[in-house]
N, C-alpha and C. Protein backbone atom coordinates (compact mmCIF):
# COMPACT_ATOMS: atom_id res chain seq x y z
N MET A 1 1.04 -0.86 -0.29
CA MET A 1 0.37 0.29 0.10
C MET A 1 1.03 1.30 0.07
N SER A 2 0.57 2.06 -1.26
CA SER A 2 1.70 3.27 -1.40
C SER A 2 1.08 4.37 0.18
N LYS A 3 2.38 5.51 0.52
CA LYS A 3 2.09 5.90 1.68
C LYS A 3 0.85 7.18 1.01
N SER A 4 0.74 7.53 0.26
CA SER A 4 -0.41 8.20 -0.31
C SER A 4 -1.93 7.09 -0.55
N ILE A 5 -1.96 6.40 -0.72
CA ILE A 5 -3.29 5.52 0.00
C ILE A 5 -3.51 5.61 1.66
N ILE A 6 -2.72 5.59 2.01
CA ILE A 6 -2.58 5.37 3.68
C ILE A 6 -3.22 7.06 4.17
N GLU A 7 -2.06 7.71 3.71
CA GLU A 7 -2.59 9.50 3.78
C GLU A 7 -3.92 9.60 3.74
N ASN A 8 -4.17 9.52 2.21
CA ASN A 8 -5.97 9.90 2.29
C ASN A 8 -7.22 9.14 2.95
N LEU A 9 -6.96 7.48 3.54
CA LEU A 9 -7.90 6.83 4.70
C LEU A 9 -7.37 7.63 5.91
N PHE A 10 -6.15 7.93 6.31
CA PHE A 10 -6.35 8.59 7.96
C PHE A 10 -6.65 9.55 7.42
N ASP A 11 -6.64 11.02 6.08
CA ASP A 11 -7.27 11.80 6.49
C ASP A 11 -9.49 11.69 6.07
N SER A 12 -9.52 10.63 5.45
CA SER A 12 -11.04 10.76 5.23
C SER A 12 -11.20 10.59 6.26
N VAL A 13 -11.20 10.07 7.99
CA VAL A 13 -11.25 9.83 9.31
C VAL A 13 -11.39 10.47 10.14
N ALA A 14 -9.97 11.17 9.63
CA ALA A 14 -9.34 12.46 10.28
C ALA A 14 -10.58 13.14 11.30
N CYS A 15 -11.17 13.49 11.02
CA CYS A 15 -12.22 14.90 11.37
C CYS A 15 -13.31 13.91 12.57
N GLN A 16 -13.22 12.50 12.68
CA GLN A 16 -13.99 11.55 13.38
C GLN A 16 -13.50 11.35 14.41
N TYR A 17 -12.24 11.65 14.69
CA TYR A 17 -11.19 11.33 15.36
C TYR A 17 -11.43 12.00 17.43
N ALA A 18 -11.89 12.92 17.34
CA ALA A 18 -12.76 13.93 18.35
C ALA A 18 -14.35 13.43 19.24
N GLU A 19 -14.98 12.39 17.93
CA GLU A 19 -16.08 12.30 18.45
C GLU A 19 -15.84 11.29 19.38
N ASN A 20 -17.07 11.19 19.51
CA ASN A 20 -17.70 10.63 20.94
C ASN A 20 -17.69 8.91 20.49
N SER A 21 -17.67 8.92 19.46
CA SER A 21 -17.91 7.18 18.67
C SER A 21 -16.54 6.96 18.76
N CYS A 22 -15.89 7.82 18.74
CA CYS A 22 -13.70 7.10 18.72
C CYS A 22 -12.94 7.24 20.09
N SER A 23 -14.11 7.39 21.12
CA SER A 23 -13.58 7.54 22.62
C SER A 23 -12.36 6.46 23.07
N TYR A 24 -12.84 5.14 22.21
CA TYR A 24 -11.80 4.33 22.55
C TYR A 24 -10.71 4.48 21.89
N PHE A 25 -10.27 5.59 21.37
CA PHE A 25 -8.86 5.35 21.19
C PHE A 25 -8.09 6.08 22.81
N GLN A 26 -8.61 7.18 23.61
CA GLN A 26 -8.69 7.57 24.38
C GLN A 26 -8.71 6.58 25.40
N TYR A 27 -9.24 5.46 25.21
CA TYR A 27 -9.33 4.53 26.34
C TYR A 27 -8.12 3.22 26.28
N PHE A 28 -7.69 3.14 24.88
CA PHE A 28 -7.28 2.48 24.38
C PHE A 28 -5.46 2.69 24.40
N GLY A 29 -5.41 3.56 24.05
CA GLY A 29 -4.10 5.26 24.35
C GLY A 29 -3.88 4.72 26.38
N LYS A 30 -5.00 4.85 27.04
CA LYS A 30 -4.23 5.36 28.17
C LYS A 30 -3.66 3.66 28.82
N ARG A 31 -4.32 2.18 28.09
CA ARG A 31 -3.74 1.14 28.19
C ARG A 31 -3.03 0.61 27.81
N LEU A 32 -2.97 1.13 26.56
CA LEU A 32 -1.37 1.09 26.59
C LEU A 32 -0.08 1.46 27.05
N VAL A 33 -0.12 2.62 27.81
CA VAL A 33 0.71 3.15 28.43
C VAL A 33 1.32 2.13 29.66
N ASP A 34 -0.06 1.74 30.25
CA ASP A 34 -0.21 1.05 31.49
C ASP A 34 0.57 0.09 31.56
N GLN A 35 0.15 -0.87 30.21
CA GLN A 35 1.32 -2.14 29.46
C GLN A 35 2.59 -1.97 29.45
N ALA A 36 3.53 -0.71 28.98
CA ALA A 36 4.46 -0.36 28.51
C ALA A 36 5.24 -0.44 30.14
N LYS A 37 4.46 0.27 30.95
CA LYS A 37 4.78 0.42 32.02
C LYS A 37 6.53 1.44 32.38
N VAL A 38 6.21 2.45 32.17
CA VAL A 38 6.32 3.95 31.41
C VAL A 38 6.88 4.40 32.51
N SER A 39 7.91 5.05 33.27
CA SER A 39 8.34 5.39 34.59
C SER A 39 8.90 6.98 34.50
N LEU A 40 8.01 7.90 35.65
CA LEU A 40 8.92 9.12 35.90
C LEU A 40 10.29 9.74 35.20
N GLY A 41 10.60 10.36 34.46
CA GLY A 41 11.47 10.63 34.05
C GLY A 41 12.27 10.67 32.19
N GLU A 42 11.42 8.91 32.09
CA GLU A 42 11.95 8.18 31.02
C GLU A 42 12.08 9.03 29.85
N ASN A 43 12.54 9.17 28.67
CA ASN A 43 12.19 9.49 27.40
C ASN A 43 11.85 8.53 26.55
N VAL A 44 9.94 8.94 25.94
CA VAL A 44 9.43 7.78 24.89
C VAL A 44 9.32 7.91 24.02
N LEU A 45 9.59 7.48 22.61
CA LEU A 45 9.01 7.75 21.52
C LEU A 45 7.65 7.38 21.00
N ASP A 46 7.04 7.95 20.41
CA ASP A 46 5.62 7.81 20.19
C ASP A 46 5.28 7.83 18.51
N VAL A 47 5.44 6.67 17.88
CA VAL A 47 5.07 6.42 16.14
C VAL A 47 3.90 6.27 16.06
N ALA A 48 3.48 6.80 15.12
CA ALA A 48 2.37 7.22 14.35
C ALA A 48 0.88 7.52 15.50
N THR A 49 1.62 8.37 16.34
CA THR A 49 0.76 9.87 17.48
C THR A 49 -0.70 10.23 17.41
N GLY A 50 -1.00 10.10 15.79
CA GLY A 50 -2.21 10.56 15.36
C GLY A 50 -2.57 12.12 16.17
N LYS A 51 -3.86 11.41 17.23
CA LYS A 51 -4.14 12.94 17.87
C LYS A 51 -3.57 12.38 19.49
N GLY A 52 -2.76 12.03 19.82
CA GLY A 52 -1.94 11.85 21.00
C GLY A 52 -2.48 10.78 21.84
N ALA A 53 -3.96 9.95 21.73
CA ALA A 53 -4.23 8.94 22.29
C ALA A 53 -3.34 8.65 23.36
N VAL A 54 -2.04 7.73 23.09
CA VAL A 54 -0.90 7.63 23.95
C VAL A 54 -0.24 8.23 24.21
N LEU A 55 -0.14 9.32 23.48
CA LEU A 55 0.95 11.05 23.94
C LEU A 55 0.43 11.46 25.22
N PHE A 56 -0.48 12.03 25.56
CA PHE A 56 -1.08 12.71 26.59
C PHE A 56 -0.56 11.32 27.64
N PRO A 57 -0.93 10.10 27.61
CA PRO A 57 -0.95 10.16 28.66
C PRO A 57 0.41 9.77 29.25
N LEU A 58 1.30 9.16 28.07
CA LEU A 58 2.74 9.64 28.31
C LEU A 58 3.21 10.03 29.18
N ALA A 59 2.65 11.55 28.91
CA ALA A 59 3.36 12.50 29.59
C ALA A 59 3.00 12.98 30.29
N ASP A 60 1.74 12.49 31.20
CA ASP A 60 1.57 12.36 32.48
C ASP A 60 2.15 11.75 33.30
N VAL A 61 2.46 10.68 32.87
CA VAL A 61 3.46 9.21 33.41
C VAL A 61 5.13 10.40 33.69
N VAL A 62 5.21 10.63 32.65
CA VAL A 62 6.39 10.83 32.46
C VAL A 62 7.12 12.02 32.83
N GLY A 63 6.67 12.92 33.50
CA GLY A 63 6.57 13.91 34.03
C GLY A 63 7.10 14.94 33.43
N CYS A 64 7.58 16.11 34.04
CA CYS A 64 8.33 17.08 33.59
C CYS A 64 9.96 16.83 33.39
N LYS A 65 10.33 15.74 33.87
CA LYS A 65 11.79 15.61 33.99
C LYS A 65 11.43 14.42 32.31
N GLY A 66 10.37 13.91 32.19
CA GLY A 66 10.94 12.77 30.80
C GLY A 66 10.25 14.24 29.65
N LYS A 67 10.63 13.63 28.92
CA LYS A 67 10.10 13.70 27.76
C LYS A 67 9.52 13.27 26.84
N VAL A 68 8.57 13.41 25.81
CA VAL A 68 7.93 12.02 25.28
C VAL A 68 7.60 12.88 23.58
N THR A 69 7.89 12.79 22.59
CA THR A 69 8.29 13.51 21.31
C THR A 69 7.66 11.76 20.22
N GLY A 70 6.24 12.66 19.66
CA GLY A 70 5.38 12.10 18.31
C GLY A 70 6.07 12.77 17.07
N ILE A 71 5.34 11.55 16.97
CA ILE A 71 5.82 11.64 14.83
C ILE A 71 4.46 10.74 14.72
N ASP A 72 4.43 11.36 12.89
CA ASP A 72 3.30 11.19 12.36
C ASP A 72 3.35 10.76 10.95
N ILE A 73 2.47 9.67 10.29
CA ILE A 73 3.02 9.60 8.48
C ILE A 73 3.14 11.48 7.83
N ARG A 74 2.15 12.36 8.68
CA ARG A 74 2.20 13.84 8.44
C ARG A 74 3.25 14.73 8.99
N THR A 75 3.75 15.62 7.93
CA THR A 75 4.30 16.81 8.58
C THR A 75 3.93 17.72 8.03
N VAL A 76 3.93 18.92 9.64
CA VAL A 76 2.80 19.99 9.18
C VAL A 76 3.73 21.58 9.31
N SER A 77 3.95 22.12 8.56
CA SER A 77 4.75 23.29 8.87
C SER A 77 3.49 24.40 9.57
N ILE A 78 4.49 25.01 10.28
CA ILE A 78 4.01 26.31 11.19
C ILE A 78 4.75 27.41 10.89
């Protein structure tokens, strides 16, 4: 599958990520962080971060002494 096909697929559903019907992203994001057994002060890379379902719970766990970096298929320039 090409990168452009995957980008188009995710672009087509991205507007629904914040909907209540997709609240399972938050649930499973938290569960993944719990299973990873990340500790205070660690540095973590979140690959395919999307809207941050794993990224934000990770940031809570590592605290201000740790660092979480999220990357995704899309690159946005501001």
